[in-house]
Amino acid sequence: PLVIVHKMDSVYGGDEGFYFFEIQFVSGLKLKTEKVELIVKKRCRPLREPPNTVLTESNIPNSNNYKSVVTCISTDEHDYDFMDDQKKEALCNTSTGLYDTTELTPCLKIIDPE
């Protein structure tokens, strides 16, 4: 594997959360980076899994936010379905650390009429 040893000399703050860095490599080469935006992400508190569900997190493309999505469990004995199809996901806003909702749907056992 290639290992690059460097020392971060300075971090310079700019306007509106933009920063750039000066880096010096062991070889003597110095580099000043382009301005980058420093984004502080706040994680939302973990949600409780509703009954008979599995909760998974996934990143939202082109966003700093993520979502938690419930899916129904599956077993050999029973089939399950969502109680409310409109409440299957919660979006976490990482700038505030808050979900848009904390009410996720449970899954109910499907009982075939006999």
Protein backbone atom coordinates (compact mmCIF):
# COMPACT_ATOMS: atom_id res chain seq x y z
CA PRO A 1 0.00 0.00 0.00
CA LEU A 2 1.02 3.58 -0.66
CA VAL A 3 1.49 5.67 2.50
CA ILE A 4 1.74 9.45 2.30
CA VAL A 5 3.01 11.20 5.40
CA HIS A 6 2.00 14.82 5.82
CA LYS A 7 1.68 17.53 8.43
CA MET A 8 -1.29 19.89 8.55
CA ASP A 9 0.30 23.31 9.01
CA SER A 10 -2.65 25.65 9.11
CA VAL A 11 -6.38 25.84 8.73
CA TYR A 12 -7.79 29.13 7.53
CA GLY A 13 -11.41 30.11 8.02
CA GLY A 14 -13.32 31.98 5.42
CA ASP A 15 -16.77 33.38 4.97
CA GLU A 16 -19.91 31.32 5.51
CA GLY A 17 -18.24 28.14 6.75
CA PHE A 18 -15.65 27.78 3.97
CA TYR A 19 -12.10 26.73 4.87
CA PHE A 20 -8.84 25.95 3.15
CA PHE A 21 -5.80 24.06 4.40
CA GLU A 22 -2.03 24.29 4.03
CA ILE A 23 -0.37 20.87 4.03
CA GLN A 24 3.34 20.10 4.01
CA PHE A 25 4.54 16.68 2.92
CA VAL A 26 7.69 15.02 4.30
CA SER A 27 9.31 15.53 0.89
CA GLY A 28 9.05 19.29 1.42
CA LEU A 29 6.22 19.76 -1.05
CA LYS A 30 3.63 22.28 0.18
CA LEU A 31 0.02 22.31 -0.90
CA LYS A 32 -2.75 24.81 -0.36
CA THR A 33 -6.19 23.29 -0.93
CA GLU A 34 -9.18 24.84 -2.61
CA LYS A 35 -11.84 26.24 -0.33
CA VAL A 36 -14.10 23.55 1.09
CA GLU A 37 -17.32 23.95 3.02
CA LEU A 38 -17.23 22.60 6.55
CA ILE A 39 -20.58 21.01 7.34
CA VAL A 40 -21.41 19.89 10.86
CA LYS A 41 -23.95 17.09 10.75
CA LYS A 42 -26.13 16.41 13.76
CA ARG A 43 -27.43 12.87 14.01
CA CYS A 44 -31.05 12.40 14.93
CA ARG A 45 -31.85 10.38 18.03
CA PRO A 46 -32.40 6.71 17.17
CA LEU A 47 -36.01 5.77 16.51
CA ARG A 48 -37.68 2.82 18.17
CA GLU A 49 -38.62 -0.02 15.85
CA PRO A 50 -42.39 -0.38 15.63
CA PRO A 51 -43.74 -3.90 16.31
CA ASN A 52 -42.99 -6.54 13.67
CA THR A 53 -40.63 -4.30 11.67
CA VAL A 54 -36.98 -3.80 10.82
CA LEU A 55 -35.62 -0.25 10.73
CA THR A 56 -32.84 0.71 8.29
CA GLU A 57 -31.03 3.98 7.60
CA SER A 58 -29.98 5.19 4.17
CA ASN A 59 -28.35 8.36 2.88
CA ILE A 60 -30.36 10.66 0.64
CA PRO A 61 -28.44 11.34 -2.61
CA ASN A 62 -27.20 14.94 -3.12
CA SER A 63 -28.13 15.81 0.47
CA ASN A 64 -26.53 15.83 3.90
CA ASN A 65 -29.67 14.24 5.35
CA TYR A 66 -30.65 10.60 5.75
CA LYS A 67 -33.84 8.64 6.21
CA SER A 68 -34.98 5.77 8.39
CA VAL A 69 -37.27 3.29 6.64
CA VAL A 70 -39.34 0.52 8.17
CA THR A 71 -39.95 -2.80 6.47
CA CYS A 72 -42.15 -5.59 7.69
CA ILE A 73 -40.53 -8.70 9.09
CA SER A 74 -41.15 -11.99 7.37
CA THR A 75 -41.43 -15.37 8.98
CA ASP A 76 -42.26 -18.85 7.76
CA GLU A 77 -45.37 -18.88 9.93
CA HIS A 78 -46.99 -15.50 9.17
CA ASP A 79 -47.16 -12.71 6.63
CA TYR A 80 -47.16 -9.09 7.80
CA ASP A 81 -48.32 -5.87 6.16
CA PHE A 82 -48.07 -2.18 6.99
CA MET A 83 -50.79 -0.70 9.16
CA ASP A 84 -50.35 2.73 7.48
CA ASP A 85 -48.62 2.95 4.09
CA GLN A 86 -48.07 6.71 4.56
CA LYS A 87 -45.80 6.31 7.63
CA LYS A 88 -42.99 4.07 6.38
CA GLU A 89 -40.10 6.56 6.56
CA ALA A 90 -38.76 9.43 8.64
CA LEU A 91 -36.32 12.01 7.25
CA CYS A 92 -33.50 13.27 9.48
CA ASN A 93 -32.49 16.90 8.95
CA THR A 94 -28.81 16.87 9.99
CA SER A 95 -28.63 20.65 10.31
CA THR A 96 -31.16 20.53 13.19
CA GLY A 97 -30.79 16.91 14.33
CA LEU A 98 -34.55 16.37 14.15
CA TYR A 99 -36.76 13.93 12.27
CA ASP A 100 -39.72 15.22 10.25
CA THR A 101 -41.83 12.60 12.07
CA THR A 102 -41.28 10.07 14.83
CA GLU A 103 -44.45 8.11 14.17
CA LEU A 104 -43.63 5.10 12.02
CA THR A 105 -46.15 2.42 11.17
CA PRO A 106 -46.14 -1.02 12.78
CA CYS A 107 -46.77 -4.14 10.74
CA LEU A 108 -49.74 -6.35 11.44
CA LYS A 109 -50.12 -10.07 10.96
CA ILE A 110 -52.27 -10.95 7.96
CA ILE A 111 -55.00 -13.37 8.94
CA ASP A 112 -56.66 -15.22 6.09
CA PRO A 113 -60.44 -15.46 6.47
CA GLU A 114 -61.62 -19.00 6.63
